[in-house]
Structures are given as structure tokens and as C-alpha cells.
């Protein structure tokens, strides 16, 4: 029985959105389950998919909290 964890940042892709929508999450669950069926022959009914949304303050990049990293990138790009 496959168990898949998908980690995404808790921020939306649309302006003003703070997370993935229910429809986007459903599409991820279906797509991953279908991929495991197609590639490994695993029945979709036995595939578990967990989506873990990570708050912005709980991850970083380049040695910085992500918001500081992005601010640095923006300031470099505006020079």
C-alpha cells in the first residue's frame, strides 16, 4: 500500500490566497494516485496521499527564513 506525503508551502498561487484550494488538493491526490497506478500498478483504492502545508515561518532557503530570502532576492533584482 503506497503512502505519499506531499509538502507544499502554505501560500496560494492567486493573489490574496493563503493556501492551495480544495480543488487543487483534490487534483494532486488524484494525479499522484493515478501515477502510482500507471507506473507501479498500485490500485488507487490502496494509495494514501497526505498533503502537508508548511507555514512560511517554518522553512527557509539560503540560510534565511524564506521571507527574508525573498526580500533579498527582490532587492538584488531591482538593482
PDB file of N, CA and C in Angstrom:
ATOM      1  N   UNK A   1       0.838  -1.160   0.000  1.00  0.00           N
ATOM      2  CA  UNK A   1       0.000   0.000   0.000  1.00  0.00           C
ATOM      3  C   UNK A   1       0.895   1.239   0.000  1.00  0.00           C
ATOM      4  N   UNK A   2       0.839   2.051  -1.045  1.00  0.00           N
ATOM      5  CA  UNK A   2       1.653   3.264  -1.101  1.00  0.00           C
ATOM      6  C   UNK A   2       1.133   4.340  -0.150  1.00  0.00           C
ATOM      7  N   UNK A   3       2.066   5.055   0.438  1.00  0.00           N
ATOM      8  CA  UNK A   3       1.757   6.192   1.299  1.00  0.00           C
ATOM      9  C   UNK A   3       2.637   7.334   0.824  1.00  0.00           C
ATOM     10  N   UNK A   4       2.030   8.387   0.306  1.00  0.00           N
ATOM     11  CA  UNK A   4       2.754   9.509  -0.275  1.00  0.00           C
ATOM     12  C   UNK A   4       2.468  10.765   0.531  1.00  0.00           C
ATOM     13  N   UNK A   5       3.521  11.478   0.883  1.00  0.00           N
ATOM     14  CA  UNK A   5       3.371  12.765   1.545  1.00  0.00           C
ATOM     15  C   UNK A   5       3.850  13.852   0.595  1.00  0.00           C
ATOM     16  N   UNK A   6       3.008  14.838   0.375  1.00  0.00           N
ATOM     17  CA  UNK A   6       3.355  15.983  -0.455  1.00  0.00           C
ATOM     18  C   UNK A   6       3.450  17.182   0.466  1.00  0.00           C
ATOM     19  N   UNK A   7       4.590  17.845   0.455  1.00  0.00           N
ATOM     20  CA  UNK A   7       4.740  19.061   1.245  1.00  0.00           C
ATOM     21  C   UNK A   7       4.704  20.248   0.306  1.00  0.00           C
ATOM     22  N   UNK A   8       3.834  21.194   0.631  1.00  0.00           N
ATOM     23  CA  UNK A   8       3.741  22.431  -0.128  1.00  0.00           C
ATOM     24  C   UNK A   8       3.759  23.591   0.860  1.00  0.00           C
ATOM     25  N   UNK A   9       4.181  24.732   0.382  1.00  0.00           N
ATOM     26  CA  UNK A   9       4.169  25.889   1.258  1.00  0.00           C
ATOM     27  C   UNK A   9       2.745  26.395   1.401  1.00  0.00           C
ATOM     28  N   UNK A  10       2.465  26.942   2.558  1.00  0.00           N
ATOM     29  CA  UNK A  10       1.120  27.453   2.821  1.00  0.00           C
ATOM     30  C   UNK A  10       1.026  28.874   2.283  1.00  0.00           C
ATOM     31  N   UNK A  11       0.899  28.948   0.985  1.00  0.00           N
ATOM     32  CA  UNK A  11       0.682  30.210   0.301  1.00  0.00           C
ATOM     33  C   UNK A  11      -0.018  29.875  -1.000  1.00  0.00           C
ATOM     34  N   UNK A  12      -0.932  30.697  -1.366  1.00  0.00           N
ATOM     35  CA  UNK A  12      -1.705  30.419  -2.560  1.00  0.00           C
ATOM     36  C   UNK A  12      -0.980  30.836  -3.828  1.00  0.00           C
ATOM     37  N   UNK A  13      -1.507  30.400  -4.931  1.00  0.00           N
ATOM     38  CA  UNK A  13      -0.937  30.780  -6.212  1.00  0.00           C
ATOM     39  C   UNK A  13      -1.658  31.976  -6.811  1.00  0.00           C
ATOM     40  N   UNK A  14      -2.777  32.341  -6.228  1.00  0.00           N
ATOM     41  CA  UNK A  14      -3.551  33.502  -6.682  1.00  0.00           C
ATOM     42  C   UNK A  14      -3.344  34.641  -5.690  1.00  0.00           C
ATOM     43  N   UNK A  15      -3.378  35.881  -6.139  1.00  0.00           N
ATOM     44  CA  UNK A  15      -3.266  36.999  -5.196  1.00  0.00           C
ATOM     45  C   UNK A  15      -4.344  36.921  -4.108  1.00  0.00           C
ATOM     46  N   UNK A  16      -3.931  37.087  -2.876  1.00  0.00           N
ATOM     47  CA  UNK A  16      -4.859  37.055  -1.754  1.00  0.00           C
ATOM     48  C   UNK A  16      -5.129  35.671  -1.196  1.00  0.00           C
ATOM     49  N   UNK A  17      -4.686  34.627  -1.866  1.00  0.00           N
ATOM     50  CA  UNK A  17      -4.905  33.261  -1.376  1.00  0.00           C
ATOM     51  C   UNK A  17      -3.779  32.884  -0.424  1.00  0.00           C
ATOM     52  N   UNK A  18      -4.124  32.208   0.671  1.00  0.00           N
ATOM     53  CA  UNK A  18      -3.090  31.836   1.632  1.00  0.00           C
ATOM     54  C   UNK A  18      -2.831  30.339   1.689  1.00  0.00           C
ATOM     55  N   UNK A  19      -3.429  29.588   0.769  1.00  0.00           N
ATOM     56  CA  UNK A  19      -3.161  28.149   0.712  1.00  0.00           C
ATOM     57  C   UNK A  19      -3.682  27.603  -0.613  1.00  0.00           C
ATOM     58  N   UNK A  20      -3.354  26.357  -0.871  1.00  0.00           N
ATOM     59  CA  UNK A  20      -3.896  25.686  -2.053  1.00  0.00           C
ATOM     60  C   UNK A  20      -5.398  25.493  -1.848  1.00  0.00           C
ATOM     61  N   UNK A  21      -6.133  25.523  -2.924  1.00  0.00           N
ATOM     62  CA  UNK A  21      -7.585  25.336  -2.815  1.00  0.00           C
ATOM     63  C   UNK A  21      -7.915  23.852  -2.657  1.00  0.00           C
ATOM     64  N   UNK A  22      -9.131  23.588  -2.239  1.00  0.00           N
ATOM     65  CA  UNK A  22      -9.602  22.203  -2.119  1.00  0.00           C
ATOM     66  C   UNK A  22      -9.534  21.507  -3.477  1.00  0.00           C
ATOM     67  N   UNK A  23      -9.849  22.229  -4.541  1.00  0.00           N
ATOM     68  CA  UNK A  23      -9.808  21.650  -5.889  1.00  0.00           C
ATOM     69  C   UNK A  23      -8.373  21.299  -6.291  1.00  0.00           C
ATOM     70  N   UNK A  24      -7.411  22.169  -5.966  1.00  0.00           N
ATOM     71  CA  UNK A  24      -6.010  21.883  -6.271  1.00  0.00           C
ATOM     72  C   UNK A  24      -5.519  20.664  -5.497  1.00  0.00           C
ATOM     73  N   UNK A  25      -5.904  20.572  -4.235  1.00  0.00           N
ATOM     74  CA  UNK A  25      -5.502  19.424  -3.420  1.00  0.00           C
ATOM     75  C   UNK A  25      -6.118  18.140  -3.952  1.00  0.00           C
ATOM     76  N   UNK A  26      -7.380  18.194  -4.347  1.00  0.00           N
ATOM     77  CA  UNK A  26      -8.028  17.006  -4.922  1.00  0.00           C
ATOM     78  C   UNK A  26      -7.314  16.572  -6.192  1.00  0.00           C
ATOM     79  N   UNK A  27      -6.893  17.542  -7.009  1.00  0.00           N
ATOM     80  CA  UNK A  27      -6.173  17.215  -8.245  1.00  0.00           C
ATOM     81  C   UNK A  27      -4.826  16.574  -7.937  1.00  0.00           C
ATOM     82  N   UNK A  28      -4.135  17.062  -6.915  1.00  0.00           N
ATOM     83  CA  UNK A  28      -2.870  16.439  -6.507  1.00  0.00           C
ATOM     84  C   UNK A  28      -3.084  14.998  -6.053  1.00  0.00           C
ATOM     85  N   UNK A  29      -4.088  14.787  -5.215  1.00  0.00           N
ATOM     86  CA  UNK A  29      -4.373  13.446  -4.704  1.00  0.00           C
ATOM     87  C   UNK A  29      -4.693  12.495  -5.851  1.00  0.00           C
ATOM     88  N   UNK A  30      -5.544  12.930  -6.753  1.00  0.00           N
ATOM     89  CA  UNK A  30      -5.901  12.078  -7.891  1.00  0.00           C
ATOM     90  C   UNK A  30      -4.692  11.817  -8.788  1.00  0.00           C
ATOM     91  N   UNK A  31      -3.948  12.888  -9.093  1.00  0.00           N
ATOM     92  CA  UNK A  31      -2.810  12.748 -10.004  1.00  0.00           C
ATOM     93  C   UNK A  31      -1.732  11.821  -9.478  1.00  0.00           C
ATOM     94  N   UNK A  32      -1.412  11.940  -8.195  1.00  0.00           N
ATOM     95  CA  UNK A  32      -0.394  11.070  -7.599  1.00  0.00           C
ATOM     96  C   UNK A  32      -0.888   9.625  -7.563  1.00  0.00           C
ATOM     97  N   UNK A  33      -2.133   9.445  -7.191  1.00  0.00           N
ATOM     98  CA  UNK A  33      -2.697   8.088  -7.148  1.00  0.00           C
ATOM     99  C   UNK A  33      -2.699   7.446  -8.532  1.00  0.00           C
ATOM    100  N   UNK A  34      -3.064   8.230  -9.545  1.00  0.00           N
ATOM    101  CA  UNK A  34      -3.086   7.729 -10.921  1.00  0.00           C
ATOM    102  C   UNK A  34      -1.678   7.399 -11.408  1.00  0.00           C
ATOM    103  N   UNK A  35      -0.707   8.227 -11.052  1.00  0.00           N
ATOM    104  CA  UNK A  35       0.684   7.968 -11.427  1.00  0.00           C
ATOM    105  C   UNK A  35       1.182   6.645 -10.847  1.00  0.00           C
ATOM    106  N   UNK A  36       0.866   6.383  -9.582  1.00  0.00           N
ATOM    107  CA  UNK A  36       1.280   5.125  -8.961  1.00  0.00           C
ATOM    108  C   UNK A  36       0.578   3.934  -9.610  1.00  0.00           C
ATOM    109  N   UNK A  37      -0.657   4.124 -10.027  1.00  0.00           N
ATOM    110  CA  UNK A  37      -1.360   3.071 -10.761  1.00  0.00           C
ATOM    111  C   UNK A  37      -0.680   2.815 -12.093  1.00  0.00           C
ATOM    112  N   UNK A  38      -0.409   3.876 -12.840  1.00  0.00           N
ATOM    113  CA  UNK A  38       0.171   3.739 -14.179  1.00  0.00           C
ATOM    114  C   UNK A  38       1.594   3.195 -14.169  1.00  0.00           C
ATOM    115  N   UNK A  39       2.404   3.644 -13.216  1.00  0.00           N
ATOM    116  CA  UNK A  39       3.821   3.268 -13.205  1.00  0.00           C
ATOM    117  C   UNK A  39       4.074   1.963 -12.459  1.00  0.00           C
ATOM    118  N   UNK A  40       3.425   1.796 -11.313  1.00  0.00           N
ATOM    119  CA  UNK A  40       3.705   0.627 -10.468  1.00  0.00           C
ATOM    120  C   UNK A  40       2.565  -0.371 -10.388  1.00  0.00           C
ATOM    121  N   UNK A  41       1.433  -0.047 -10.994  1.00  0.00           N
ATOM    122  CA  UNK A  41       0.291  -0.946 -10.938  1.00  0.00           C
ATOM    123  C   UNK A  41      -0.382  -0.981  -9.578  1.00  0.00           C
ATOM    124  N   UNK A  42      -0.167   0.053  -8.767  1.00  0.00           N
ATOM    125  CA  UNK A  42      -0.771   0.090  -7.431  1.00  0.00           C
ATOM    126  C   UNK A  42      -2.216   0.568  -7.538  1.00  0.00           C
ATOM    127  N   UNK A  43      -3.161  -0.183  -6.983  1.00  0.00           N
ATOM    128  CA  UNK A  43      -4.564   0.234  -7.059  1.00  0.00           C
ATOM    129  C   UNK A  43      -4.777   1.579  -6.376  1.00  0.00           C
ATOM    130  N   UNK A  44      -5.561   2.428  -7.011  1.00  0.00           N
ATOM    131  CA  UNK A  44      -5.823   3.746  -6.438  1.00  0.00           C
ATOM    132  C   UNK A  44      -6.482   3.638  -5.073  1.00  0.00           C
ATOM    133  N   UNK A  45      -7.300   2.601  -4.871  1.00  0.00           N
ATOM    134  CA  UNK A  45      -8.009   2.435  -3.601  1.00  0.00           C
ATOM    135  C   UNK A  45      -7.065   2.169  -2.434  1.00  0.00           C
ATOM    136  N   UNK A  46      -5.859   1.685  -2.722  1.00  0.00           N
ATOM    137  CA  UNK A  46      -4.930   1.369  -1.634  1.00  0.00           C
ATOM    138  C   UNK A  46      -3.842   2.426  -1.473  1.00  0.00           C
ATOM    139  N   UNK A  47      -3.952   3.523  -2.204  1.00  0.00           N
ATOM    140  CA  UNK A  47      -2.949   4.585  -2.130  1.00  0.00           C
ATOM    141  C   UNK A  47      -3.427   5.689  -1.200  1.00  0.00           C
ATOM    142  N   UNK A  48      -2.568   6.031  -0.243  1.00  0.00           N
ATOM    143  CA  UNK A  48      -2.837   7.117   0.693  1.00  0.00           C
ATOM    144  C   UNK A  48      -1.980   8.306   0.304  1.00  0.00           C
ATOM    145  N   UNK A  49      -2.595   9.471   0.216  1.00  0.00           N
ATOM    146  CA  UNK A  49      -1.874  10.701  -0.098  1.00  0.00           C
ATOM    147  C   UNK A  49      -2.166  11.716   0.996  1.00  0.00           C
ATOM    148  N   UNK A  50      -1.118  12.262   1.584  1.00  0.00           N
ATOM    149  CA  UNK A  50      -1.242  13.270   2.620  1.00  0.00           C
ATOM    150  C   UNK A  50      -0.598  14.552   2.112  1.00  0.00           C
ATOM    151  N   UNK A  51      -1.322  15.641   2.208  1.00  0.00           N
ATOM    152  CA  UNK A  51      -0.787  16.946   1.821  1.00  0.00           C
ATOM    153  C   UNK A  51      -0.485  17.722   3.090  1.00  0.00           C
ATOM    154  N   UNK A  52       0.768  18.075   3.243  1.00  0.00           N
ATOM    155  CA  UNK A  52       1.225  18.812   4.416  1.00  0.00           C
ATOM    156  C   UNK A  52       1.563  20.226   3.966  1.00  0.00           C
ATOM    157  N   UNK A  53       0.783  21.191   4.436  1.00  0.00           N
ATOM    158  CA  UNK A  53       1.049  22.585   4.097  1.00  0.00           C
ATOM    159  C   UNK A  53       1.963  23.189   5.169  1.00  0.00           C
ATOM    160  N   UNK A  54       3.097  23.693   4.740  1.00  0.00           N
ATOM    161  CA  UNK A  54       4.096  24.224   5.650  1.00  0.00           C
ATOM    162  C   UNK A  54       3.949  25.750   5.728  1.00  0.00           C
ATOM    163  N   UNK A  55       3.768  26.243   6.936  1.00  0.00           N
ATOM    164  CA  UNK A  55       3.660  27.691   7.151  1.00  0.00           C
ATOM    165  C   UNK A  55       4.958  28.378   6.724  1.00  0.00           C
ATOM    166  N   UNK A  56       4.844  29.600   6.221  1.00  0.00           N
ATOM    167  CA  UNK A  56       6.016  30.325   5.726  1.00  0.00           C
ATOM    168  C   UNK A  56       7.108  30.471   6.780  1.00  0.00           C
ATOM    169  N   UNK A  57       6.726  30.677   8.040  1.00  0.00           N
ATOM    170  CA  UNK A  57       7.747  30.864   9.074  1.00  0.00           C
ATOM    171  C   UNK A  57       8.456  29.558   9.450  1.00  0.00           C
ATOM    172  N   UNK A  58       8.022  28.439   8.881  1.00  0.00           N
ATOM    173  CA  UNK A  58       8.602  27.141   9.234  1.00  0.00           C
ATOM    174  C   UNK A  58       9.558  26.591   8.188  1.00  0.00           C
ATOM    175  N   UNK A  59      10.007  27.427   7.246  1.00  0.00           N
ATOM    176  CA  UNK A  59      11.001  26.945   6.290  1.00  0.00           C
ATOM    177  C   UNK A  59      11.847  28.116   5.810  1.00  0.00           C
ATOM    178  N   UNK A  60      12.974  27.775   5.250  1.00  0.00           N
ATOM    179  CA  UNK A  60      13.878  28.803   4.767  1.00  0.00           C
ATOM    180  C   UNK A  60      14.690  28.319   3.583  1.00  0.00           C
ATOM    181  N   UNK A  61      15.493  29.232   3.091  1.00  0.00           N
ATOM    182  CA  UNK A  61      16.325  28.940   1.919  1.00  0.00           C
ATOM    183  C   UNK A  61      17.577  29.806   2.013  1.00  0.00           C
ATOM    184  N   UNK A  62      18.691  29.253   1.634  1.00  0.00           N
ATOM    185  CA  UNK A  62      19.924  30.032   1.630  1.00  0.00           C
ATOM    186  C   UNK A  62      20.336  30.531   3.001  1.00  0.00           C
ATOM    187  N   UNK A  63      19.977  29.809   4.043  1.00  0.00           N
ATOM    188  CA  UNK A  63      20.358  30.180   5.395  1.00  0.00           C
ATOM    189  C   UNK A  63      19.471  31.234   6.035  1.00  0.00           C
ATOM    190  N   UNK A  64      18.359  31.570   5.375  1.00  0.00           N
ATOM    191  CA  UNK A  64      17.464  32.609   5.883  1.00  0.00           C
ATOM    192  C   UNK A  64      16.035  32.107   5.926  1.00  0.00           C
ATOM    193  N   UNK A  65      15.207  32.678   6.826  1.00  0.00           N
ATOM    194  CA  UNK A  65      13.771  32.423   6.711  1.00  0.00           C
ATOM    195  C   UNK A  65      13.325  32.856   5.310  1.00  0.00           C
ATOM    196  N   UNK A  66      12.388  32.150   4.731  1.00  0.00           N
ATOM    197  CA  UNK A  66      12.042  32.361   3.326  1.00  0.00           C
ATOM    198  C   UNK A  66      11.622  33.795   3.021  1.00  0.00           C
ATOM    199  N   UNK A  67      10.926  34.462   3.920  1.00  0.00           N
ATOM    200  CA  UNK A  67      10.513  35.841   3.639  1.00  0.00           C
ATOM    201  C   UNK A  67      11.722  36.773   3.542  1.00  0.00           C
ATOM    202  N   UNK A  68      12.734  36.555   4.375  1.00  0.00           N
ATOM    203  CA  UNK A  68      13.959  37.352   4.280  1.00  0.00           C
ATOM    204  C   UNK A  68      14.719  37.023   2.994  1.00  0.00           C
ATOM    205  N   UNK A  69      14.763  35.748   2.636  1.00  0.00           N
ATOM    206  CA  UNK A  69      15.433  35.335   1.404  1.00  0.00           C
ATOM    207  C   UNK A  69      14.784  36.006   0.196  1.00  0.00           C
ATOM    208  N   UNK A  70      13.444  35.973   0.150  1.00  0.00           N
ATOM    209  CA  UNK A  70      12.733  36.580  -0.974  1.00  0.00           C
ATOM    210  C   UNK A  70      12.947  38.084  -1.026  1.00  0.00           C
ATOM    211  N   UNK A  71      12.967  38.747   0.139  1.00  0.00           N
ATOM    212  CA  UNK A  71      13.218  40.188   0.170  1.00  0.00           C
ATOM    213  C   UNK A  71      14.602  40.500  -0.377  1.00  0.00           C
ATOM    214  N   UNK A  72      15.565  39.692  -0.014  1.00  0.00           N
ATOM    215  CA  UNK A  72      16.927  39.879  -0.523  1.00  0.00           C
ATOM    216  C   UNK A  72      16.955  39.705  -2.041  1.00  0.00           C
ATOM    217  N   UNK A  73      16.259  38.684  -2.537  1.00  0.00           N
ATOM    218  CA  UNK A  73      16.212  38.447  -3.991  1.00  0.00           C
ATOM    219  C   UNK A  73      15.549  39.622  -4.714  1.00  0.00           C
ATOM    220  N   UNK A  74      14.460  40.143  -4.147  1.00  0.00           N
ATOM    221  CA  UNK A  74      13.779  41.284  -4.767  1.00  0.00           C
ATOM    222  C   UNK A  74      14.686  42.504  -4.827  1.00  0.00           C
ATOM    223  N   UNK A  75      15.423  42.748  -3.727  1.00  0.00           N
ATOM    224  CA  UNK A  75      16.298  43.920  -3.717  1.00  0.00           C
ATOM    225  C   UNK A  75      17.447  43.747  -4.702  1.00  0.00           C
ATOM    226  N   UNK A  76      17.946  42.533  -4.875  1.00  0.00           N
ATOM    227  CA  UNK A  76      19.019  42.286  -5.854  1.00  0.00           C
ATOM    228  C   UNK A  76      18.499  42.463  -7.283  1.00  0.00           C
ATOM    229  N   UNK A  77      17.272  42.029  -7.520  1.00  0.00           N
ATOM    230  CA  UNK A  77      16.697  42.132  -8.867  1.00  0.00           C
ATOM    231  C   UNK A  77      16.337  43.568  -9.242  1.00  0.00           C
ATOM    232  N   UNK A  78      16.129  44.419  -8.226  1.00  0.00           N
ATOM    233  CA  UNK A  78      15.743  45.809  -8.528  1.00  0.00           C
ATOM    234  C   UNK A  78      16.957  46.712  -8.719  1.00  0.00           C
ATOM    235  N   UNK A  79      18.142  46.187  -8.474  1.00  0.00           N
ATOM    236  CA  UNK A  79      19.376  46.979  -8.642  1.00  0.00           C
ATOM    237  C   UNK A  79      19.786  47.098 -10.086  1.00  0.00           C
TER     238      UNK A  79
END
